[in-house]
Amino acid sequence: MKRFVVALVSAGSLLVSVAAFAQAASTPAAAPAAAPAQESTSAAVPVPGAKRAACQSAAKALKGQDRHDQMQLCMAQAHLDCLKQAIDQKIVGPQRKDFVKSCAS
């Protein structure tokens, strides 16, 4: 059961990261010439608490140390996904740190 939950969470986070990458890759090609200025000022704003809530619901069936471990793994994966998203959007410096922090929390 534990492996099933880990596999499920891993597959879900992989799908989310692939979707984010596909969206980031297709957006510049389909955007008009005036859109790049808007794109740099209005980067995708993450929904606060969404990833944490997803991790909590994934670990809901577990108890004790297994639940704690699953939450840590899930949040680490969420942090990594947010970092990849920031890199894809070419967010650098303090803005990247703020983006990843707000995205993963």
PDB file of N, CA and C in Angstrom:
ATOM      1  N   MET A   1       0.824  -1.189   0.000  1.00  0.00           N
ATOM      2  CA  MET A   1       0.000   0.000   0.000  1.00  0.00           C
ATOM      3  C   MET A   1       0.870   1.254   0.000  1.00  0.00           C
ATOM      4  N   LYS A   2       1.947   1.186   0.784  1.00  0.00           N
ATOM      5  CA  LYS A   2       2.843   2.330   0.870  1.00  0.00           C
ATOM      6  C   LYS A   2       3.479   2.614  -0.493  1.00  0.00           C
ATOM      7  N   ARG A   3       3.906   1.572  -1.158  1.00  0.00           N
ATOM      8  CA  ARG A   3       4.525   1.749  -2.474  1.00  0.00           C
ATOM      9  C   ARG A   3       3.521   2.273  -3.491  1.00  0.00           C
ATOM     10  N   PHE A   4       2.294   1.812  -3.367  1.00  0.00           N
ATOM     11  CA  PHE A   4       1.248   2.285  -4.269  1.00  0.00           C
ATOM     12  C   PHE A   4       1.034   3.787  -4.110  1.00  0.00           C
ATOM     13  N   VAL A   5       0.988   4.256  -2.874  1.00  0.00           N
ATOM     14  CA  VAL A   5       0.778   5.682  -2.611  1.00  0.00           C
ATOM     15  C   VAL A   5       1.961   6.499  -3.120  1.00  0.00           C
ATOM     16  N   VAL A   6       3.172   6.005  -2.887  1.00  0.00           N
ATOM     17  CA  VAL A   6       4.367   6.700  -3.369  1.00  0.00           C
ATOM     18  C   VAL A   6       4.353   6.761  -4.893  1.00  0.00           C
ATOM     19  N   ALA A   7       3.997   5.650  -5.533  1.00  0.00           N
ATOM     20  CA  ALA A   7       3.937   5.621  -6.992  1.00  0.00           C
ATOM     21  C   ALA A   7       2.857   6.567  -7.505  1.00  0.00           C
ATOM     22  N   LEU A   8       1.725   6.605  -6.824  1.00  0.00           N
ATOM     23  CA  LEU A   8       0.628   7.478  -7.222  1.00  0.00           C
ATOM     24  C   LEU A   8       1.033   8.946  -7.112  1.00  0.00           C
ATOM     25  N   VAL A   9       1.656   9.310  -6.016  1.00  0.00           N
ATOM     26  CA  VAL A   9       2.089  10.701  -5.824  1.00  0.00           C
ATOM     27  C   VAL A   9       3.177  11.065  -6.830  1.00  0.00           C
ATOM     28  N   SER A  10       4.098  10.151  -7.069  1.00  0.00           N
ATOM     29  CA  SER A  10       5.162  10.407  -8.041  1.00  0.00           C
ATOM     30  C   SER A  10       4.593  10.598  -9.439  1.00  0.00           C
ATOM     31  N   ALA A  11       3.666   9.740  -9.820  1.00  0.00           N
ATOM     32  CA  ALA A  11       3.053   9.861 -11.142  1.00  0.00           C
ATOM     33  C   ALA A  11       2.276  11.171 -11.263  1.00  0.00           C
ATOM     34  N   GLY A  12       1.557  11.526 -10.210  1.00  0.00           N
ATOM     35  CA  GLY A  12       0.802  12.780 -10.225  1.00  0.00           C
ATOM     36  C   GLY A  12       1.695  13.995 -10.354  1.00  0.00           C
ATOM     37  N   SER A  13       2.789  14.015  -9.610  1.00  0.00           N
ATOM     38  CA  SER A  13       3.691  15.159  -9.687  1.00  0.00           C
ATOM     39  C   SER A  13       4.403  15.203 -11.032  1.00  0.00           C
ATOM     40  N   LEU A  14       4.673  14.036 -11.602  1.00  0.00           N
ATOM     41  CA  LEU A  14       5.288  13.992 -12.929  1.00  0.00           C
ATOM     42  C   LEU A  14       4.328  14.562 -13.965  1.00  0.00           C
ATOM     43  N   LEU A  15       3.067  14.203 -13.876  1.00  0.00           N
ATOM     44  CA  LEU A  15       2.074  14.734 -14.812  1.00  0.00           C
ATOM     45  C   LEU A  15       1.946  16.245 -14.685  1.00  0.00           C
ATOM     46  N   VAL A  16       1.961  16.749 -13.451  1.00  0.00           N
ATOM     47  CA  VAL A  16       1.856  18.191 -13.232  1.00  0.00           C
ATOM     48  C   VAL A  16       3.070  18.904 -13.813  1.00  0.00           C
ATOM     49  N   SER A  17       4.263  18.356 -13.599  1.00  0.00           N
ATOM     50  CA  SER A  17       5.462  19.008 -14.117  1.00  0.00           C
ATOM     51  C   SER A  17       5.511  18.959 -15.641  1.00  0.00           C
ATOM     52  N   VAL A  18       5.063  17.853 -16.241  1.00  0.00           N
ATOM     53  CA  VAL A  18       5.025  17.759 -17.698  1.00  0.00           C
ATOM     54  C   VAL A  18       4.017  18.755 -18.259  1.00  0.00           C
ATOM     55  N   ALA A  19       2.872  18.871 -17.615  1.00  0.00           N
ATOM     56  CA  ALA A  19       1.862  19.833 -18.069  1.00  0.00           C
ATOM     57  C   ALA A  19       2.384  21.263 -17.957  1.00  0.00           C
ATOM     58  N   ALA A  20       3.066  21.559 -16.864  1.00  0.00           N
ATOM     59  CA  ALA A  20       3.633  22.905 -16.689  1.00  0.00           C
ATOM     60  C   ALA A  20       4.696  23.179 -17.737  1.00  0.00           C
ATOM     61  N   PHE A  21       5.518  22.184 -18.016  1.00  0.00           N
ATOM     62  CA  PHE A  21       6.562  22.352 -19.025  1.00  0.00           C
ATOM     63  C   PHE A  21       5.947  22.531 -20.405  1.00  0.00           C
ATOM     64  N   ALA A  22       4.932  21.739 -20.722  1.00  0.00           N
ATOM     65  CA  ALA A  22       4.274  21.854 -22.023  1.00  0.00           C
ATOM     66  C   ALA A  22       3.606  23.213 -22.176  1.00  0.00           C
ATOM     67  N   GLN A  23       2.997  23.693 -21.114  1.00  0.00           N
ATOM     68  CA  GLN A  23       2.350  24.996 -21.159  1.00  0.00           C
ATOM     69  C   GLN A  23       3.391  26.092 -21.334  1.00  0.00           C
ATOM     70  N   ALA A  24       4.505  25.988 -20.625  1.00  0.00           N
ATOM     71  CA  ALA A  24       5.555  27.000 -20.729  1.00  0.00           C
ATOM     72  C   ALA A  24       6.195  26.963 -22.110  1.00  0.00           C
ATOM     73  N   ALA A  25       6.316  25.773 -22.686  1.00  0.00           N
ATOM     74  CA  ALA A  25       6.938  25.648 -23.995  1.00  0.00           C
ATOM     75  C   ALA A  25       6.020  26.148 -25.098  1.00  0.00           C
ATOM     76  N   SER A  26       4.716  25.979 -24.966  1.00  0.00           N
ATOM     77  CA  SER A  26       3.799  26.372 -26.028  1.00  0.00           C
ATOM     78  C   SER A  26       3.374  27.830 -25.927  1.00  0.00           C
ATOM     79  N   THR A  27       3.440  28.437 -24.770  1.00  0.00           N
ATOM     80  CA  THR A  27       2.975  29.807 -24.585  1.00  0.00           C
ATOM     81  C   THR A  27       3.743  30.825 -25.426  1.00  0.00           C
ATOM     82  N   PRO A  28       5.096  30.826 -25.454  1.00  0.00           N
ATOM     83  CA  PRO A  28       5.786  31.838 -26.250  1.00  0.00           C
ATOM     84  C   PRO A  28       5.508  31.724 -27.746  1.00  0.00           C
ATOM     85  N   ALA A  29       5.325  30.534 -28.281  1.00  0.00           N
ATOM     86  CA  ALA A  29       5.111  30.374 -29.712  1.00  0.00           C
ATOM     87  C   ALA A  29       3.739  30.897 -30.116  1.00  0.00           C
ATOM     88  N   ALA A  30       2.738  30.739 -29.261  1.00  0.00           N
ATOM     89  CA  ALA A  30       1.385  31.146 -29.604  1.00  0.00           C
ATOM     90  C   ALA A  30       1.098  32.602 -29.230  1.00  0.00           C
ATOM     91  N   ALA A  31       1.970  33.237 -28.474  1.00  0.00           N
ATOM     92  CA  ALA A  31       1.727  34.592 -27.992  1.00  0.00           C
ATOM     93  C   ALA A  31       2.060  35.623 -29.065  1.00  0.00           C
ATOM     94  N   PRO A  32       1.301  36.714 -29.125  1.00  0.00           N
ATOM     95  CA  PRO A  32       1.629  37.792 -30.057  1.00  0.00           C
ATOM     96  C   PRO A  32       2.879  38.541 -29.613  1.00  0.00           C
ATOM     97  N   ALA A  33       3.348  39.456 -30.444  1.00  0.00           N
ATOM     98  CA  ALA A  33       4.604  40.160 -30.179  1.00  0.00           C
ATOM     99  C   ALA A  33       4.548  41.002 -28.906  1.00  0.00           C
ATOM    100  N   ALA A  34       3.402  41.522 -28.524  1.00  0.00           N
ATOM    101  CA  ALA A  34       3.301  42.367 -27.334  1.00  0.00           C
ATOM    102  C   ALA A  34       3.248  41.550 -26.050  1.00  0.00           C
ATOM    103  N   ALA A  35       2.993  40.271 -26.121  1.00  0.00           N
ATOM    104  CA  ALA A  35       2.816  39.442 -24.931  1.00  0.00           C
ATOM    105  C   ALA A  35       4.084  39.204 -24.118  1.00  0.00           C
ATOM    106  N   PRO A  36       5.293  39.123 -24.691  1.00  0.00           N
ATOM    107  CA  PRO A  36       6.462  38.867 -23.849  1.00  0.00           C
ATOM    108  C   PRO A  36       6.660  39.897 -22.747  1.00  0.00           C
ATOM    109  N   ALA A  37       6.318  41.152 -22.975  1.00  0.00           N
ATOM    110  CA  ALA A  37       6.444  42.153 -21.919  1.00  0.00           C
ATOM    111  C   ALA A  37       5.484  41.839 -20.784  1.00  0.00           C
ATOM    112  N   GLN A  38       4.284  41.411 -21.120  1.00  0.00           N
ATOM    113  CA  GLN A  38       3.319  41.050 -20.097  1.00  0.00           C
ATOM    114  C   GLN A  38       3.746  39.785 -19.389  1.00  0.00           C
ATOM    115  N   GLU A  39       4.296  38.841 -20.108  1.00  0.00           N
ATOM    116  CA  GLU A  39       4.670  37.560 -19.538  1.00  0.00           C
ATOM    117  C   GLU A  39       5.717  37.713 -18.437  1.00  0.00           C
ATOM    118  N   SER A  40       6.687  38.596 -18.643  1.00  0.00           N
ATOM    119  CA  SER A  40       7.731  38.759 -17.640  1.00  0.00           C
ATOM    120  C   SER A  40       7.207  39.447 -16.377  1.00  0.00           C
ATOM    121  N   THR A  41       6.189  40.289 -16.519  1.00  0.00           N
ATOM    122  CA  THR A  41       5.676  40.971 -15.340  1.00  0.00           C
ATOM    123  C   THR A  41       4.603  40.168 -14.621  1.00  0.00           C
ATOM    124  N   SER A  42       3.924  39.297 -15.338  1.00  0.00           N
ATOM    125  CA  SER A  42       2.859  38.527 -14.708  1.00  0.00           C
ATOM    126  C   SER A  42       3.151  37.032 -14.828  1.00  0.00           C
ATOM    127  N   ALA A  43       4.150  36.577 -14.103  1.00  0.00           N
ATOM    128  CA  ALA A  43       4.469  35.153 -14.097  1.00  0.00           C
ATOM    129  C   ALA A  43       3.336  34.400 -13.420  1.00  0.00           C
ATOM    130  N   ALA A  44       3.269  33.116 -13.680  1.00  0.00           N
ATOM    131  CA  ALA A  44       2.207  32.304 -13.098  1.00  0.00           C
ATOM    132  C   ALA A  44       2.253  32.395 -11.577  1.00  0.00           C
ATOM    133  N   VAL A  45       1.178  32.817 -10.993  1.00  0.00           N
ATOM    134  CA  VAL A  45       1.102  32.969  -9.542  1.00  0.00           C
ATOM    135  C   VAL A  45       0.567  31.668  -8.960  1.00  0.00           C
ATOM    136  N   PRO A  46       1.366  31.012  -8.109  1.00  0.00           N
ATOM    137  CA  PRO A  46       0.909  29.751  -7.534  1.00  0.00           C
ATOM    138  C   PRO A  46      -0.195  29.972  -6.506  1.00  0.00           C
ATOM    139  N   VAL A  47      -1.057  29.002  -6.388  1.00  0.00           N
ATOM    140  CA  VAL A  47      -2.126  29.059  -5.393  1.00  0.00           C
ATOM    141  C   VAL A  47      -1.536  28.623  -4.060  1.00  0.00           C
ATOM    142  N   PRO A  48      -1.561  29.505  -3.038  1.00  0.00           N
ATOM    143  CA  PRO A  48      -0.964  29.144  -1.752  1.00  0.00           C
ATOM    144  C   PRO A  48      -1.680  27.947  -1.124  1.00  0.00           C
ATOM    145  N   GLY A  49      -0.898  26.994  -0.670  1.00  0.00           N
ATOM    146  CA  GLY A  49      -1.446  25.855   0.045  1.00  0.00           C
ATOM    147  C   GLY A  49      -1.951  24.720  -0.826  1.00  0.00           C
ATOM    148  N   ALA A  50      -1.972  24.883  -2.137  1.00  0.00           N
ATOM    149  CA  ALA A  50      -2.527  23.847  -3.009  1.00  0.00           C
ATOM    150  C   ALA A  50      -1.667  22.583  -2.985  1.00  0.00           C
ATOM    151  N   LYS A  51      -0.370  22.748  -3.063  1.00  0.00           N
ATOM    152  CA  LYS A  51       0.508  21.578  -3.078  1.00  0.00           C
ATOM    153  C   LYS A  51       0.520  20.892  -1.709  1.00  0.00           C
ATOM    154  N   ARG A  52       0.515  21.680  -0.649  1.00  0.00           N
ATOM    155  CA  ARG A  52       0.486  21.096   0.696  1.00  0.00           C
ATOM    156  C   ARG A  52      -0.817  20.313   0.899  1.00  0.00           C
ATOM    157  N   ALA A  53      -1.916  20.869   0.438  1.00  0.00           N
ATOM    158  CA  ALA A  53      -3.197  20.177   0.568  1.00  0.00           C
ATOM    159  C   ALA A  53      -3.201  18.881  -0.236  1.00  0.00           C
ATOM    160  N   ALA A  54      -2.585  18.901  -1.405  1.00  0.00           N
ATOM    161  CA  ALA A  54      -2.496  17.686  -2.220  1.00  0.00           C
ATOM    162  C   ALA A  54      -1.654  16.629  -1.510  1.00  0.00           C
ATOM    163  N   CYS A  55      -0.578  17.046  -0.879  1.00  0.00           N
ATOM    164  CA  CYS A  55       0.264  16.106  -0.143  1.00  0.00           C
ATOM    165  C   CYS A  55      -0.471  15.540   1.070  1.00  0.00           C
ATOM    166  N   GLN A  56      -1.220  16.391   1.748  1.00  0.00           N
ATOM    167  CA  GLN A  56      -1.968  15.922   2.911  1.00  0.00           C
ATOM    168  C   GLN A  56      -3.042  14.917   2.509  1.00  0.00           C
ATOM    169  N   SER A  57      -3.693  15.160   1.394  1.00  0.00           N
ATOM    170  CA  SER A  57      -4.723  14.218   0.963  1.00  0.00           C
ATOM    171  C   SER A  57      -4.095  12.907   0.492  1.00  0.00           C
ATOM    172  N   ALA A  58      -2.890  12.961  -0.079  1.00  0.00           N
ATOM    173  CA  ALA A  58      -2.216  11.739  -0.518  1.00  0.00           C
ATOM    174  C   ALA A  58      -1.755  10.903   0.676  1.00  0.00           C
ATOM    175  N   ALA A  59      -1.404  11.562   1.774  1.00  0.00           N
ATOM    176  CA  ALA A  59      -0.909  10.860   2.959  1.00  0.00           C
ATOM    177  C   ALA A  59      -2.027  10.556   3.956  1.00  0.00           C
ATOM    178  N   LYS A  60      -3.236  10.905   3.613  1.00  0.00           N
ATOM    179  CA  LYS A  60      -4.359  10.763   4.534  1.00  0.00           C
ATOM    180  C   LYS A  60      -4.573   9.318   4.981  1.00  0.00           C
ATOM    181  N   ALA A  61      -4.376   8.375   4.091  1.00  0.00           N
ATOM    182  CA  ALA A  61      -4.627   6.965   4.404  1.00  0.00           C
ATOM    183  C   ALA A  61      -3.541   6.361   5.304  1.00  0.00           C
ATOM    184  N   LEU A  62      -2.415   7.032   5.413  1.00  0.00           N
ATOM    185  CA  LEU A  62      -1.301   6.500   6.198  1.00  0.00           C
ATOM    186  C   LEU A  62      -1.359   7.013   7.625  1.00  0.00           C
ATOM    187  N   LYS A  63      -0.592   6.350   8.487  1.00  0.00           N
ATOM    188  CA  LYS A  63      -0.537   6.748   9.898  1.00  0.00           C
ATOM    189  C   LYS A  63       0.901   6.745  10.392  1.00  0.00           C
ATOM    190  N   GLY A  64       1.149   7.529  11.422  1.00  0.00           N
ATOM    191  CA  GLY A  64       2.432   7.520  12.109  1.00  0.00           C
ATOM    192  C   GLY A  64       3.597   7.950  11.235  1.00  0.00           C
ATOM    193  N   GLN A  65       4.681   7.185  11.342  1.00  0.00           N
ATOM    194  CA  GLN A  65       5.916   7.517  10.632  1.00  0.00           C
ATOM    195  C   GLN A  65       5.730   7.452   9.118  1.00  0.00           C
ATOM    196  N   ASP A  66       4.915   6.509   8.643  1.00  0.00           N
ATOM    197  CA  ASP A  66       4.667   6.403   7.206  1.00  0.00           C
ATOM    198  C   ASP A  66       4.030   7.682   6.665  1.00  0.00           C
ATOM    199  N   ARG A  67       3.100   8.229   7.422  1.00  0.00           N
ATOM    200  CA  ARG A  67       2.442   9.469   7.005  1.00  0.00           C
ATOM    201  C   ARG A  67       3.426  10.629   6.994  1.00  0.00           C
ATOM    202  N   HIS A  68       4.245  10.695   8.027  1.00  0.00           N
ATOM    203  CA  HIS A  68       5.252  11.759   8.112  1.00  0.00           C
ATOM    204  C   HIS A  68       6.242  11.658   6.951  1.00  0.00           C
ATOM    205  N   ASP A  69       6.712  10.444   6.680  1.00  0.00           N
ATOM    206  CA  ASP A  69       7.660  10.226   5.579  1.00  0.00           C
ATOM    207  C   ASP A  69       7.031  10.602   4.239  1.00  0.00           C
ATOM    208  N   GLN A  70       5.793  10.198   4.034  1.00  0.00           N
ATOM    209  CA  GLN A  70       5.103  10.505   2.784  1.00  0.00           C
ATOM    210  C   GLN A  70       4.946  12.009   2.601  1.00  0.00           C
ATOM    211  N   MET A  71       4.616  12.716   3.677  1.00  0.00           N
ATOM    212  CA  MET A  71       4.482  14.173   3.598  1.00  0.00           C
ATOM    213  C   MET A  71       5.814  14.812   3.228  1.00  0.00           C
ATOM    214  N   GLN A  72       6.895  14.337   3.840  1.00  0.00           N
ATOM    215  CA  GLN A  72       8.207  14.897   3.526  1.00  0.00           C
ATOM    216  C   GLN A  72       8.577  14.652   2.069  1.00  0.00           C
ATOM    217  N   LEU A  73       8.351  13.438   1.587  1.00  0.00           N
ATOM    218  CA  LEU A  73       8.661  13.129   0.191  1.00  0.00           C
ATOM    219  C   LEU A  73       7.812  13.966  -0.763  1.00  0.00           C
ATOM    220  N   CYS A  74       6.545  14.057  -0.466  1.00  0.00           N
ATOM    221  CA  CYS A  74       5.632  14.803  -1.325  1.00  0.00           C
ATOM    222  C   CYS A  74       5.997  16.287  -1.357  1.00  0.00           C
ATOM    223  N   MET A  75       6.300  16.867  -0.212  1.00  0.00           N
ATOM    224  CA  MET A  75       6.656  18.282  -0.169  1.00  0.00           C
ATOM    225  C   MET A  75       8.000  18.544  -0.853  1.00  0.00           C
ATOM    226  N   ALA A  76       8.929  17.604  -0.735  1.00  0.00           N
ATOM    227  CA  ALA A  76      10.206  17.746  -1.439  1.00  0.00           C
ATOM    228  C   ALA A  76       9.978  17.708  -2.951  1.00  0.00           C
ATOM    229  N   GLN A  77       9.096  16.822  -3.403  1.00  0.00           N
ATOM    230  CA  GLN A  77       8.769  16.752  -4.828  1.00  0.00           C
ATOM    231  C   GLN A  77       8.068  18.026  -5.282  1.00  0.00           C
ATOM    232  N   ALA A  78       7.186  18.564  -4.448  1.00  0.00           N
ATOM    233  CA  ALA A  78       6.494  19.813  -4.770  1.00  0.00           C
ATOM    234  C   ALA A  78       7.500  20.961  -4.882  1.00  0.00           C
ATOM    235  N   HIS A  79       8.462  20.997  -3.971  1.00  0.00           N
ATOM    236  CA  HIS A  79       9.500  22.030  -4.009  1.00  0.00           C
ATOM    237  C   HIS A  79      10.301  21.917  -5.305  1.00  0.00           C
ATOM    238  N   LEU A  80      10.659  20.693  -5.676  1.00  0.00           N
ATOM    239  CA  LEU A  80      11.417  20.463  -6.898  1.00  0.00           C
ATOM    240  C   LEU A  80      10.602  20.879  -8.126  1.00  0.00           C
ATOM    241  N   ASP A  81       9.319  20.549  -8.142  1.00  0.00           N
ATOM    242  CA  ASP A  81       8.450  20.947  -9.255  1.00  0.00           C
ATOM    243  C   ASP A  81       8.367  22.465  -9.372  1.00  0.00           C
ATOM    244  N   CYS A  82       8.275  23.144  -8.242  1.00  0.00           N
ATOM    245  CA  CYS A  82       8.215  24.607  -8.247  1.00  0.00           C
ATOM    246  C   CYS A  82       9.529  25.208  -8.734  1.00  0.00           C
ATOM    247  N   LEU A  83      10.639  24.603  -8.337  1.00  0.00           N
ATOM    248  CA  LEU A  83      11.944  25.080  -8.798  1.00  0.00           C
ATOM    249  C   LEU A  83      12.068  24.899 -10.304  1.00  0.00           C
ATOM    250  N   LYS A  84      11.619  23.755 -10.816  1.00  0.00           N
ATOM    251  CA  LYS A  84      11.650  23.528 -12.268  1.00  0.00           C
ATOM    252  C   LYS A  84      10.782  24.552 -12.989  1.00  0.00           C
ATOM    253  N   GLN A  85       9.632  24.864 -12.418  1.00  0.00           N
ATOM    254  CA  GLN A  85       8.739  25.847 -13.020  1.00  0.00           C
ATOM    255  C   GLN A  85       9.397  27.227 -13.041  1.00  0.00           C
ATOM    256  N   ALA A  86      10.071  27.586 -11.960  1.00  0.00           N
ATOM    257  CA  ALA A  86      10.766  28.878 -11.902  1.00  0.00           C
ATOM    258  C   ALA A  86      11.890  28.936 -12.927  1.00  0.00           C
ATOM    259  N   ILE A  87      12.598  27.832 -13.103  1.00  0.00           N
ATOM    260  CA  ILE A  87      13.675  27.785 -14.095  1.00  0.00           C
ATOM    261  C   ILE A  87      13.098  27.902 -15.497  1.00  0.00           C
ATOM    262  N   ASP A  88      12.010  27.189 -15.774  1.00  0.00           N
ATOM    263  CA  ASP A  88      11.365  27.265 -17.084  1.00  0.00           C
ATOM    264  C   ASP A  88      10.895  28.677 -17.394  1.00  0.00           C
ATOM    265  N   GLN A  89      10.425  29.388 -16.375  1.00  0.00           N
ATOM    266  CA  GLN A  89       9.947  30.761 -16.555  1.00  0.00           C
ATOM    267  C   GLN A  89      11.080  31.778 -16.478  1.00  0.00           C
ATOM    268  N   LYS A  90      12.305  31.267 -16.284  1.00  0.00           N
ATOM    269  CA  LYS A  90      13.500  32.115 -16.219  1.00  0.00           C
ATOM    270  C   LYS A  90      13.417  33.168 -15.112  1.00  0.00           C
ATOM    271  N   ILE A  91      12.916  32.747 -13.958  1.00  0.00           N
ATOM    272  CA  ILE A  91      12.862  33.601 -12.776  1.00  0.00           C
ATOM    273  C   ILE A  91      14.183  33.426 -12.042  1.00  0.00           C
ATOM    274  N   VAL A  92      14.856  34.526 -11.732  1.00  0.00           N
ATOM    275  CA  VAL A  92      16.172  34.454 -11.099  1.00  0.00           C
ATOM    276  C   VAL A  92      16.224  35.318  -9.846  1.00  0.00           C
ATOM    277  N   GLY A  93      17.273  35.089  -9.065  1.00  0.00           N
ATOM    278  CA  GLY A  93      17.535  35.915  -7.893  1.00  0.00           C
ATOM    279  C   GLY A  93      16.517  35.750  -6.781  1.00  0.00           C
ATOM    280  N   PRO A  94      16.290  36.822  -6.043  1.00  0.00           N
ATOM    281  CA  PRO A  94      15.353  36.773  -4.924  1.00  0.00           C
ATOM    282  C   PRO A  94      13.923  36.444  -5.365  1.00  0.00           C
ATOM    283  N   GLN A  95      13.574  36.820  -6.601  1.00  0.00           N
ATOM    284  CA  GLN A  95      12.235  36.505  -7.094  1.00  0.00           C
ATOM    285  C   GLN A  95      12.041  34.991  -7.190  1.00  0.00           C
ATOM    286  N   ARG A  96      13.103  34.251  -7.593  1.00  0.00           N
ATOM    287  CA  ARG A  96      13.000  32.792  -7.674  1.00  0.00           C
ATOM    288  C   ARG A  96      12.767  32.200  -6.293  1.00  0.00           C
ATOM    289  N   LYS A  97      13.506  32.693  -5.310  1.00  0.00           N
ATOM    290  CA  LYS A  97      13.351  32.188  -3.942  1.00  0.00           C
ATOM    291  C   LYS A  97      11.930  32.430  -3.446  1.00  0.00           C
ATOM    292  N   ASP A  98      11.420  33.626  -3.678  1.00  0.00           N
ATOM    293  CA  ASP A  98      10.055  33.956  -3.248  1.00  0.00           C
ATOM    294  C   ASP A  98       9.027  33.104  -4.002  1.00  0.00           C
ATOM    295  N   PHE A  99       9.253  32.917  -5.306  1.00  0.00           N
ATOM    296  CA  PHE A  99       8.322  32.121  -6.110  1.00  0.00           C
ATOM    297  C   PHE A  99       8.258  30.679  -5.616  1.00  0.00           C
ATOM    298  N   VAL A 100       9.426  30.076  -5.402  1.00  0.00           N
ATOM    299  CA  VAL A 100       9.473  28.679  -4.974  1.00  0.00           C
ATOM    300  C   VAL A 100       8.852  28.528  -3.588  1.00  0.00           C
ATOM    301  N   LYS A 101       9.138  29.475  -2.720  1.00  0.00           N
ATOM    302  CA  LYS A 101       8.580  29.415  -1.365  1.00  0.00           C
ATOM    303  C   LYS A 101       7.058  29.524  -1.390  1.00  0.00           C
ATOM    304  N   SER A 102       6.537  30.462  -2.169  1.00  0.00           N
ATOM    305  CA  SER A 102       5.085  30.618  -2.216  1.00  0.00           C
ATOM    306  C   SER A 102       4.412  29.499  -2.993  1.00  0.00           C
ATOM    307  N   CYS A 103       5.090  28.946  -3.968  1.00  0.00           N
ATOM    308  CA  CYS A 103       4.522  27.880  -4.782  1.00  0.00           C
ATOM    309  C   CYS A 103       4.439  26.582  -3.990  1.00  0.00           C
ATOM    310  N   ALA A 104       5.485  26.227  -3.268  1.00  0.00           N
ATOM    311  CA  ALA A 104       5.551  24.941  -2.577  1.00  0.00           C
ATOM    312  C   ALA A 104       4.786  24.931  -1.266  1.00  0.00           C
ATOM    313  N   SER A 105       4.522  26.084  -0.696  1.00  0.00           N
ATOM    314  CA  SER A 105       3.865  26.089   0.622  1.00  0.00           C
ATOM    315  C   SER A 105       2.383  25.858   0.536  1.00  0.00           C
TER     316      SER A 105
END
